[in-house]
């Protein structure tokens, strides 16, 4: 049976009178806040970015997965308000922490955002609150770092307040699997914590997956993305091998994928990008190293994936050589600098590494990306140029690094002198020898 404070919170959740706060209104936090509001709860979003707060208040969505209509409805109905003031946490019943967990310059886990958010929560912690950490992190963070900070208030976890870890599973741009229909994994510090969190998430998502502890839940997310990282590394290495053997890797994968059992297709590309896959395996290997375990497999996968931008540049040089041109002085048009198709996110994007390498080798680099109007690499800034026949014809080589669905690839190939396709976006097009694939 739940303690008294737990029973009171459970009743509030079931009656939809519980007030919720989401800390961090980025790619994870804002879609979550909207989904919670859709379920009938009142949500206060907290973020240190004043621009995000202003956009929410003006009903202007900056996240592609959040429609203007959904945001406008939530704000107009006062189901969602945004603020930069953590003091509102004193009035809420449930707090979800969705802050970034990047890598430091030395490629070690940076959980400073979690620590800052936890400190602010601790200042406002009161009896009957449920605290949820959704930010991806290494096993032990919830129990060893978040919990001690919260218990400074002389409140007891599982009795006075409740603490769980439930990893975000957001896939930006995915229209099929959303927060609502993606199973929600959660692990609590105590069984009471897990029970309260289960009741809350049951109001929002279709399926709950319970694990034995917060540490297990933390490990689940790292396993998911490490699985993707190492399999992408495998197929990237096979792409390099097939290039040497004169075999089309894309045809090989397509044929292998017809097997109804024992095979899952992964695809090569210019490298890994985004807020999860290039980062999460590093969190895992770092934690393993602190316990005396050397994760050689994960490290090797990272090496292969990080080498892909250099391979893409070599393919660009190969393409230019067919026209007796040098990379030095050539104009290279990059199509899509986002880390994946149909998103406006350049975090860890391999396209940025490709641009940097090309510039170092003396190329003139320009780009087009309808989702990224401006970008900065080091001290240099670029603006996305309008994509037209003139721009394509003036480029010595066009490089497809993000296969946005809005691009007309047949038209692009028809008007480009050369194209290097890193995503198989030009599949089945008649290239007349002008397309080189990785």
Protein backbone atom coordinates (compact mmCIF):
# COMPACT_ATOMS: atom_id res chain seq x y z
CA UNK A 1 0.00 0.00 0.00
CA UNK A 2 1.23 3.49 -0.86
CA UNK A 3 2.09 5.87 2.00
CA UNK A 4 -0.42 8.62 2.78
CA UNK A 5 1.35 11.23 0.62
CA UNK A 6 1.48 8.72 -2.20
CA UNK A 7 -2.24 8.02 -1.97
CA UNK A 8 -2.96 11.74 -2.08
CA UNK A 9 -0.76 12.18 -5.17
CA UNK A 10 -2.33 9.14 -6.84
CA UNK A 11 -5.78 10.65 -6.37
CA UNK A 12 -4.62 13.95 -7.87
CA UNK A 13 -3.14 12.13 -10.86
CA UNK A 14 -6.25 10.08 -11.55
CA UNK A 15 -8.45 13.17 -11.18
CA UNK A 16 -6.07 15.17 -13.44
CA UNK A 17 -5.72 17.84 -10.74
CA UNK A 18 -1.99 17.19 -10.27
CA UNK A 19 0.13 20.09 -11.52
CA UNK A 20 3.13 19.11 -13.64
CA UNK A 21 6.36 20.88 -14.47
CA UNK A 22 8.76 19.97 -17.28
CA UNK A 23 12.30 21.32 -16.92
CA UNK A 24 13.96 21.75 -20.30
CA UNK A 25 11.82 22.64 -23.33
CA UNK A 26 13.90 21.21 -26.15
CA UNK A 27 13.36 18.23 -28.47
CA UNK A 28 12.40 16.05 -25.51
CA UNK A 29 10.77 18.43 -23.06
CA UNK A 30 8.37 20.38 -25.27
CA UNK A 31 6.77 17.35 -26.98
CA UNK A 32 6.44 15.73 -23.55
CA UNK A 33 4.83 18.86 -22.09
CA UNK A 34 2.33 18.96 -24.97
CA UNK A 35 1.45 15.28 -24.53
CA UNK A 36 0.94 15.76 -20.79
CA UNK A 37 -1.30 18.76 -21.50
CA UNK A 38 -3.29 16.70 -24.03
CA UNK A 39 -3.89 14.15 -21.28
CA UNK A 40 -5.66 16.86 -19.27
CA UNK A 41 -2.97 18.08 -16.87
CA UNK A 42 -1.84 21.66 -16.32
CA UNK A 43 1.83 21.99 -17.22
CA UNK A 44 4.45 24.60 -16.39
CA UNK A 45 7.46 24.45 -18.68
CA UNK A 46 10.76 25.78 -17.34
CA UNK A 47 13.73 26.76 -19.47
CA UNK A 48 16.70 29.13 -19.14
CA UNK A 49 16.37 30.10 -22.81
CA UNK A 50 14.25 33.25 -22.91
CA UNK A 51 13.76 32.89 -26.67
CA UNK A 52 12.04 29.51 -26.22
CA UNK A 53 9.81 30.93 -23.50
CA UNK A 54 8.84 33.81 -25.77
CA UNK A 55 8.02 31.51 -28.67
CA UNK A 56 5.81 29.30 -26.52
CA UNK A 57 3.96 32.30 -25.13
CA UNK A 58 3.41 33.57 -28.69
CA UNK A 59 2.29 30.05 -29.74
CA UNK A 60 5.17 29.66 -32.16
CA UNK A 61 6.53 26.11 -32.22
CA UNK A 62 10.29 25.70 -32.72
CA UNK A 63 10.16 21.89 -32.61
CA UNK A 64 9.03 20.14 -35.83
CA UNK A 65 7.37 17.35 -33.82
CA UNK A 66 5.12 19.90 -32.11
CA UNK A 67 2.53 21.40 -34.42
CA UNK A 68 1.50 25.04 -34.21
CA UNK A 69 -2.08 23.87 -33.65
CA UNK A 70 -1.21 21.67 -30.67
CA UNK A 71 0.94 24.35 -29.09
CA UNK A 72 -1.64 27.09 -29.65
CA UNK A 73 -4.39 24.93 -28.16
CA UNK A 74 -2.36 24.09 -25.05
CA UNK A 75 -1.39 27.71 -24.46
CA UNK A 76 -4.83 29.14 -25.23
CA UNK A 77 -6.50 26.68 -22.88
CA UNK A 78 -3.87 27.53 -20.26
CA UNK A 79 -2.80 23.90 -20.09
CA UNK A 80 0.78 24.99 -20.83
CA UNK A 81 2.63 28.05 -19.57
CA UNK A 82 6.35 28.72 -19.90
CA UNK A 83 8.67 30.45 -17.47
CA UNK A 84 12.29 30.75 -16.44
CA UNK A 85 11.43 30.93 -12.74
CA UNK A 86 12.12 27.73 -10.80
CA UNK A 87 10.07 28.98 -7.85
CA UNK A 88 6.94 27.63 -9.55
CA UNK A 89 8.17 24.17 -8.51
CA UNK A 90 6.85 24.90 -5.01
CA UNK A 91 3.33 24.69 -6.40
CA UNK A 92 3.62 21.56 -8.59
CA UNK A 93 3.10 17.90 -7.79
CA UNK A 94 5.17 16.26 -10.52
CA UNK A 95 8.51 17.39 -11.97
CA UNK A 96 10.04 15.92 -15.12
CA UNK A 97 13.69 16.78 -15.81
CA UNK A 98 14.45 16.79 -19.55
CA UNK A 99 17.74 18.70 -19.78
CA UNK A 100 20.65 18.02 -22.17
CA UNK A 101 23.44 15.60 -21.27
CA UNK A 102 26.23 16.38 -23.77
CA UNK A 103 29.89 15.43 -23.77
CA UNK A 104 32.63 17.69 -22.45
CA UNK A 105 35.51 18.88 -24.65
CA UNK A 106 37.46 15.87 -23.41
CA UNK A 107 34.55 13.60 -24.47
CA UNK A 108 33.48 12.74 -20.95
CA UNK A 109 29.88 12.83 -19.65
CA UNK A 110 28.66 16.33 -18.80
CA UNK A 111 25.74 16.05 -16.38
CA UNK A 112 26.04 19.63 -15.17
CA UNK A 113 22.55 20.42 -16.48
CA UNK A 114 21.11 17.57 -14.43
CA UNK A 115 22.98 18.76 -11.34
CA UNK A 116 21.74 22.34 -11.79
CA UNK A 117 18.14 21.26 -12.36
CA UNK A 118 18.25 18.90 -9.37
CA UNK A 119 19.60 21.66 -7.16
CA UNK A 120 16.70 23.92 -8.15
CA UNK A 121 14.20 21.12 -7.56
CA UNK A 122 15.73 20.44 -4.15
CA UNK A 123 15.18 24.06 -3.10
CA UNK A 124 11.46 23.69 -3.78
CA UNK A 125 10.95 20.04 -2.86
CA UNK A 126 7.93 19.34 -0.69
CA UNK A 127 6.02 16.33 0.55
CA UNK A 128 3.99 14.43 -2.00
CA UNK A 129 6.08 15.33 -5.06
CA UNK A 130 7.07 12.92 -7.83
CA UNK A 131 10.44 13.69 -9.45
CA UNK A 132 11.20 12.08 -12.80
CA UNK A 133 14.57 12.16 -14.54
CA UNK A 134 14.22 11.60 -18.30
CA UNK A 135 17.62 12.89 -19.44
CA UNK A 136 19.89 10.15 -20.78
CA UNK A 137 22.73 9.45 -18.38
CA UNK A 138 24.99 6.74 -17.01
CA UNK A 139 23.72 4.08 -14.57
CA UNK A 140 23.70 5.33 -11.00
CA UNK A 141 22.98 8.99 -11.69
CA UNK A 142 19.46 8.95 -10.23
CA UNK A 143 20.42 7.02 -7.10
CA UNK A 144 23.92 8.37 -6.44
CA UNK A 145 23.67 11.99 -7.60
CA UNK A 146 20.02 13.11 -7.78
CA UNK A 147 18.73 11.34 -4.66
CA UNK A 148 21.33 12.67 -2.16
CA UNK A 149 20.65 16.23 -3.32
CA UNK A 150 16.90 15.81 -2.84
CA UNK A 151 17.25 14.18 0.58
CA UNK A 152 19.12 17.21 1.91
CA UNK A 153 15.66 18.47 2.87
CA UNK A 154 15.27 15.70 5.46
CA UNK A 155 12.49 14.19 3.37
CA UNK A 156 12.48 10.43 2.83
CA UNK A 157 12.27 8.94 -0.67
CA UNK A 158 9.38 6.53 -1.09
CA UNK A 159 7.54 8.08 1.83
CA UNK A 160 7.65 11.87 1.57
CA UNK A 161 8.58 12.21 -2.10
CA UNK A 162 9.03 9.83 -5.04
CA UNK A 163 11.92 9.52 -7.49
CA UNK A 164 12.18 7.54 -10.73
CA UNK A 165 14.18 7.36 -13.92
CA UNK A 166 12.24 7.01 -17.16
CA UNK A 167 14.38 7.44 -20.29
CA UNK A 168 13.14 9.59 -23.13
CA UNK A 169 12.73 7.64 -26.35
CA UNK A 170 12.07 10.51 -28.72
CA UNK A 171 12.97 9.98 -32.37
CA UNK A 172 12.78 13.45 -33.96
CA UNK A 173 10.87 13.47 -37.21
CA UNK A 174 9.30 10.05 -36.65
CA UNK A 175 5.60 10.33 -37.44
CA UNK A 176 4.82 6.67 -36.73
CA UNK A 177 6.18 6.33 -33.22
CA UNK A 178 5.49 9.21 -30.86
CA UNK A 179 5.59 9.69 -27.10
CA UNK A 180 2.06 8.31 -26.80
CA UNK A 181 2.54 5.00 -28.62
CA UNK A 182 6.17 4.30 -27.68
CA UNK A 183 6.38 2.03 -24.60
CA UNK A 184 7.58 3.94 -21.52
CA UNK A 185 10.32 2.29 -19.48
CA UNK A 186 10.59 3.28 -15.84
CA UNK A 187 12.47 2.24 -12.75
CA UNK A 188 12.03 3.69 -9.28
CA UNK A 189 14.27 4.17 -6.29
CA UNK A 190 11.60 2.29 -4.29
CA UNK A 191 8.57 0.22 -5.24
CA UNK A 192 6.35 3.07 -4.07
CA UNK A 193 8.15 5.47 -6.42
CA UNK A 194 7.64 3.09 -9.33
CA UNK A 195 3.96 2.65 -8.53
CA UNK A 196 3.25 6.38 -8.47
CA UNK A 197 5.16 6.97 -11.69
CA UNK A 198 3.31 4.09 -13.38
CA UNK A 199 -0.03 5.63 -12.50
CA UNK A 200 1.09 8.99 -13.89
CA UNK A 201 2.44 7.64 -17.18
CA UNK A 202 -0.65 5.48 -17.66
CA UNK A 203 -2.56 8.71 -18.17
CA UNK A 204 -0.24 9.70 -21.03
CA UNK A 205 1.20 6.71 -22.90
CA UNK A 206 -0.29 3.45 -24.14
CA UNK A 207 2.14 0.99 -22.56
CA UNK A 208 4.36 0.98 -19.47
CA UNK A 209 7.42 -1.25 -19.11
CA UNK A 210 8.58 -1.64 -15.51
CA UNK A 211 12.14 -2.59 -14.57
CA UNK A 212 13.62 -3.45 -11.21
CA UNK A 213 15.50 -0.22 -10.48
CA UNK A 214 16.44 3.23 -11.70
CA UNK A 215 19.86 1.83 -12.66
CA UNK A 216 18.25 -0.73 -14.94
CA UNK A 217 16.13 1.95 -16.58
CA UNK A 218 19.24 4.09 -17.14
CA UNK A 219 21.00 1.10 -18.71
CA UNK A 220 18.05 0.38 -21.01
CA UNK A 221 18.45 3.68 -22.84
CA UNK A 222 22.21 3.24 -23.21
CA UNK A 223 21.75 -0.28 -24.55
CA UNK A 224 19.21 0.92 -27.13
CA UNK A 225 21.50 3.54 -28.60
CA UNK A 226 24.71 1.55 -28.24
CA UNK A 227 22.97 -1.23 -30.19
CA UNK A 228 22.30 1.23 -33.00
CA UNK A 229 25.78 2.71 -32.85
CA UNK A 230 27.65 -0.58 -33.16
CA UNK A 231 25.37 -1.90 -35.90
CA UNK A 232 25.75 1.30 -37.90
CA UNK A 233 29.50 0.98 -37.42
CA UNK A 234 29.34 -2.58 -38.73
CA UNK A 235 27.48 -1.59 -41.87
CA UNK A 236 29.77 1.42 -42.34
CA UNK A 237 32.77 -0.90 -42.27
CA UNK A 238 31.03 -3.21 -44.74
CA UNK A 239 30.43 -0.18 -46.98
CA UNK A 240 34.17 0.51 -46.96
CA UNK A 241 34.82 -3.15 -47.74
CA UNK A 242 32.28 -3.26 -50.57
CA UNK A 243 33.80 -0.11 -52.05
CA UNK A 244 37.13 -1.94 -52.33
CA UNK A 245 35.42 -5.02 -53.79
CA UNK A 246 33.32 -3.06 -56.29
CA UNK A 247 30.04 -4.19 -54.73
CA UNK A 248 26.98 -1.97 -54.15
CA UNK A 249 26.39 -2.11 -50.36
CA UNK A 250 22.87 -0.70 -50.74
CA UNK A 251 21.82 -3.59 -52.99
CA UNK A 252 23.36 -6.05 -50.56
CA UNK A 253 21.43 -4.61 -47.61
CA UNK A 254 18.17 -4.52 -49.56
CA UNK A 255 18.53 -8.19 -50.48
CA UNK A 256 19.56 -9.23 -46.96
CA UNK A 257 16.56 -7.41 -45.50
CA UNK A 258 14.22 -9.81 -47.31
CA UNK A 259 15.13 -12.48 -44.75
CA UNK A 260 12.15 -12.64 -42.37
CA UNK A 261 14.18 -13.68 -39.34
CA UNK A 262 17.57 -13.07 -37.78
CA UNK A 263 18.38 -9.87 -39.68
CA UNK A 264 17.65 -6.20 -39.07
CA UNK A 265 18.72 -3.69 -41.73
CA UNK A 266 21.03 -0.82 -40.83
CA UNK A 267 22.38 1.61 -43.37
CA UNK A 268 25.73 3.32 -43.94
CA UNK A 269 26.07 7.07 -43.94
CA UNK A 270 28.45 10.00 -43.53
CA UNK A 271 28.75 9.42 -39.78
CA UNK A 272 26.62 9.59 -36.65
CA UNK A 273 24.78 12.65 -35.44
CA UNK A 274 22.08 13.82 -33.06
CA UNK A 275 21.72 14.16 -29.33
CA UNK A 276 21.82 10.43 -28.50
CA UNK A 277 23.55 7.85 -30.69
CA UNK A 278 27.03 9.46 -30.91
CA UNK A 279 26.95 10.32 -27.19
CA UNK A 280 25.22 7.56 -25.24
CA UNK A 281 27.79 4.81 -25.93
CA UNK A 282 30.47 7.15 -24.56
CA UNK A 283 28.47 7.51 -21.35
CA UNK A 284 28.31 3.73 -21.09
CA UNK A 285 32.00 3.09 -21.80
CA UNK A 286 32.98 5.89 -19.39
CA UNK A 287 30.93 4.31 -16.61
CA UNK A 288 32.32 0.87 -17.40
CA UNK A 289 35.88 2.23 -17.26
CA UNK A 290 35.22 3.67 -13.79
CA UNK A 291 34.54 0.08 -12.72
CA UNK A 292 37.67 -1.31 -14.37
CA UNK A 293 35.98 -2.61 -17.53
CA UNK A 294 37.39 -1.71 -20.94
CA UNK A 295 34.57 -1.65 -23.52
CA UNK A 296 36.67 -2.35 -26.62
CA UNK A 297 33.75 -3.09 -28.91
CA UNK A 298 32.05 0.26 -28.22
CA UNK A 299 35.31 2.16 -28.73
CA UNK A 300 35.99 0.46 -32.05
CA UNK A 301 32.48 1.26 -33.27
CA UNK A 302 33.02 4.91 -32.34
CA UNK A 303 36.30 4.98 -34.29
CA UNK A 304 34.64 3.63 -37.43
CA UNK A 305 31.70 6.01 -37.26
CA UNK A 306 33.94 9.03 -36.61
CA UNK A 307 36.07 8.11 -39.64
CA UNK A 308 33.17 8.29 -42.10
CA UNK A 309 33.36 12.06 -42.80
CA UNK A 310 36.95 11.53 -43.97
CA UNK A 311 35.78 8.71 -46.22
CA UNK A 312 33.09 10.97 -47.70
CA UNK A 313 35.72 13.60 -48.49
CA UNK A 314 37.80 10.94 -50.25
CA UNK A 315 34.74 10.07 -52.35
CA UNK A 316 34.34 13.77 -53.23
CA UNK A 317 37.97 13.87 -54.34
CA UNK A 318 37.36 10.71 -56.39
CA UNK A 319 34.34 12.33 -58.04
CA UNK A 320 36.26 15.49 -58.90
CA UNK A 321 39.13 13.44 -60.32
CA UNK A 322 36.77 12.00 -62.94
CA UNK A 323 36.50 15.56 -64.29
CA UNK A 324 40.21 16.28 -63.88
CA UNK A 325 39.50 18.75 -61.08
CA UNK A 326 41.27 19.29 -57.79
CA UNK A 327 39.43 19.63 -54.50
CA UNK A 328 41.50 22.72 -53.73
CA UNK A 329 39.57 25.62 -55.26
CA UNK A 330 36.46 23.61 -56.17
CA UNK A 331 33.00 24.77 -55.14
CA UNK A 332 31.23 22.10 -53.10
CA UNK A 333 27.49 22.33 -52.42
CA UNK A 334 26.32 20.43 -49.34
CA UNK A 335 22.65 19.44 -49.36
CA UNK A 336 21.35 18.90 -45.84
CA UNK A 337 23.55 19.77 -42.87
CA UNK A 338 21.09 18.39 -40.28
CA UNK A 339 22.14 15.11 -38.69
CA UNK A 340 19.21 13.25 -40.28
CA UNK A 341 16.42 13.82 -42.75
CA UNK A 342 13.54 16.20 -42.06
CA UNK A 343 14.80 17.66 -38.77
CA UNK A 344 16.30 21.02 -37.86
CA UNK A 345 19.04 19.70 -35.58
CA UNK A 346 22.77 19.89 -36.30
CA UNK A 347 24.03 18.51 -32.99
CA UNK A 348 26.96 16.17 -33.70
CA UNK A 349 26.02 16.26 -37.40
CA UNK A 350 28.67 14.57 -39.58
CA UNK A 351 27.99 17.21 -42.23
CA UNK A 352 29.76 19.75 -40.02
CA UNK A 353 32.88 17.57 -39.94
CA UNK A 354 32.72 17.17 -43.72
CA UNK A 355 32.45 20.94 -44.20
CA UNK A 356 35.38 21.52 -41.87
CA UNK A 357 37.60 18.98 -43.64
CA UNK A 358 36.70 20.38 -47.07
CA UNK A 359 37.57 23.91 -45.98
CA UNK A 360 40.90 22.74 -44.56
CA UNK A 361 41.70 21.23 -47.95
CA UNK A 362 40.97 24.47 -49.77
CA UNK A 363 37.47 23.88 -51.10
CA UNK A 364 34.84 26.61 -51.29
CA UNK A 365 31.88 25.23 -49.35
CA UNK A 366 28.28 26.40 -49.66
CA UNK A 367 25.13 24.68 -48.41
CA UNK A 368 21.38 24.41 -48.60
CA UNK A 369 19.15 23.09 -45.86
CA UNK A 370 15.52 24.21 -45.53
CA UNK A 371 15.61 23.30 -41.82
CA UNK A 372 18.89 25.07 -40.96
CA UNK A 373 18.88 28.70 -42.20
CA UNK A 374 22.21 29.48 -40.55
CA UNK A 375 25.08 27.55 -39.03
CA UNK A 376 28.41 28.24 -37.39
CA UNK A 377 31.53 26.08 -37.34
CA UNK A 378 34.28 27.52 -35.18
CA UNK A 379 34.43 31.22 -35.94
CA UNK A 380 33.00 30.93 -39.44
CA UNK A 381 29.32 31.37 -40.27
CA UNK A 382 27.27 30.18 -43.24
CA UNK A 383 23.78 30.88 -44.53
CA UNK A 384 21.65 28.41 -46.44
CA UNK A 385 21.52 29.46 -50.09
CA UNK A 386 18.34 29.13 -52.19
CA UNK A 387 18.40 25.88 -54.14
CA UNK A 388 17.99 26.54 -57.87
CA UNK A 389 19.42 25.50 -61.22
CA UNK A 390 22.08 28.20 -61.13
CA UNK A 391 23.36 27.14 -57.72
CA UNK A 392 23.48 23.47 -58.77
CA UNK A 393 25.19 24.14 -62.08
CA UNK A 394 27.82 26.38 -60.50
CA UNK A 395 28.87 23.74 -57.98
CA UNK A 396 31.71 21.46 -59.02
CA UNK A 397 30.20 18.75 -56.82
CA UNK A 398 26.94 18.36 -54.92
CA UNK A 399 27.07 16.27 -51.73
CA UNK A 400 23.88 14.82 -50.24
CA UNK A 401 24.43 14.45 -46.49
CA UNK A 402 20.84 14.61 -45.22
CA UNK A 403 18.15 13.10 -47.43
CA UNK A 404 15.35 15.58 -46.74
CA UNK A 405 12.07 14.45 -48.28
CA UNK A 406 11.45 17.91 -49.73
CA UNK A 407 14.35 17.57 -52.17
CA UNK A 408 13.58 16.60 -55.77
CA UNK A 409 16.53 14.29 -56.34
CA UNK A 410 15.79 13.66 -59.99
CA UNK A 411 15.86 17.41 -60.63
CA UNK A 412 19.03 17.77 -58.54
CA UNK A 413 20.86 15.07 -60.51
CA UNK A 414 19.70 16.50 -63.83
CA UNK A 415 21.15 19.91 -63.00
CA UNK A 416 24.30 18.94 -61.09
CA UNK A 417 27.67 18.31 -62.69
CA UNK A 418 28.58 15.69 -60.11
CA UNK A 419 26.90 14.29 -57.02
CA UNK A 420 28.18 12.31 -54.05
CA UNK A 421 25.25 10.58 -52.38
CA UNK A 422 25.89 9.45 -48.80
CA UNK A 423 22.26 8.37 -48.12
CA UNK A 424 21.20 6.44 -51.24
CA UNK A 425 18.72 9.24 -51.90
CA UNK A 426 19.29 8.91 -55.65
CA UNK A 427 18.35 5.25 -55.76
CA UNK A 428 17.07 4.09 -59.18
CA UNK A 429 17.88 7.43 -60.85
CA UNK A 430 19.64 7.48 -64.21
CA UNK A 431 22.87 9.22 -63.29
CA UNK A 432 24.79 9.05 -66.59
CA UNK A 433 27.93 8.49 -64.53
CA UNK A 434 27.46 11.66 -62.49
CA UNK A 435 26.58 10.04 -59.13
CA UNK A 436 29.03 8.44 -56.75
CA UNK A 437 27.63 6.68 -53.69
CA UNK A 438 29.36 5.70 -50.50
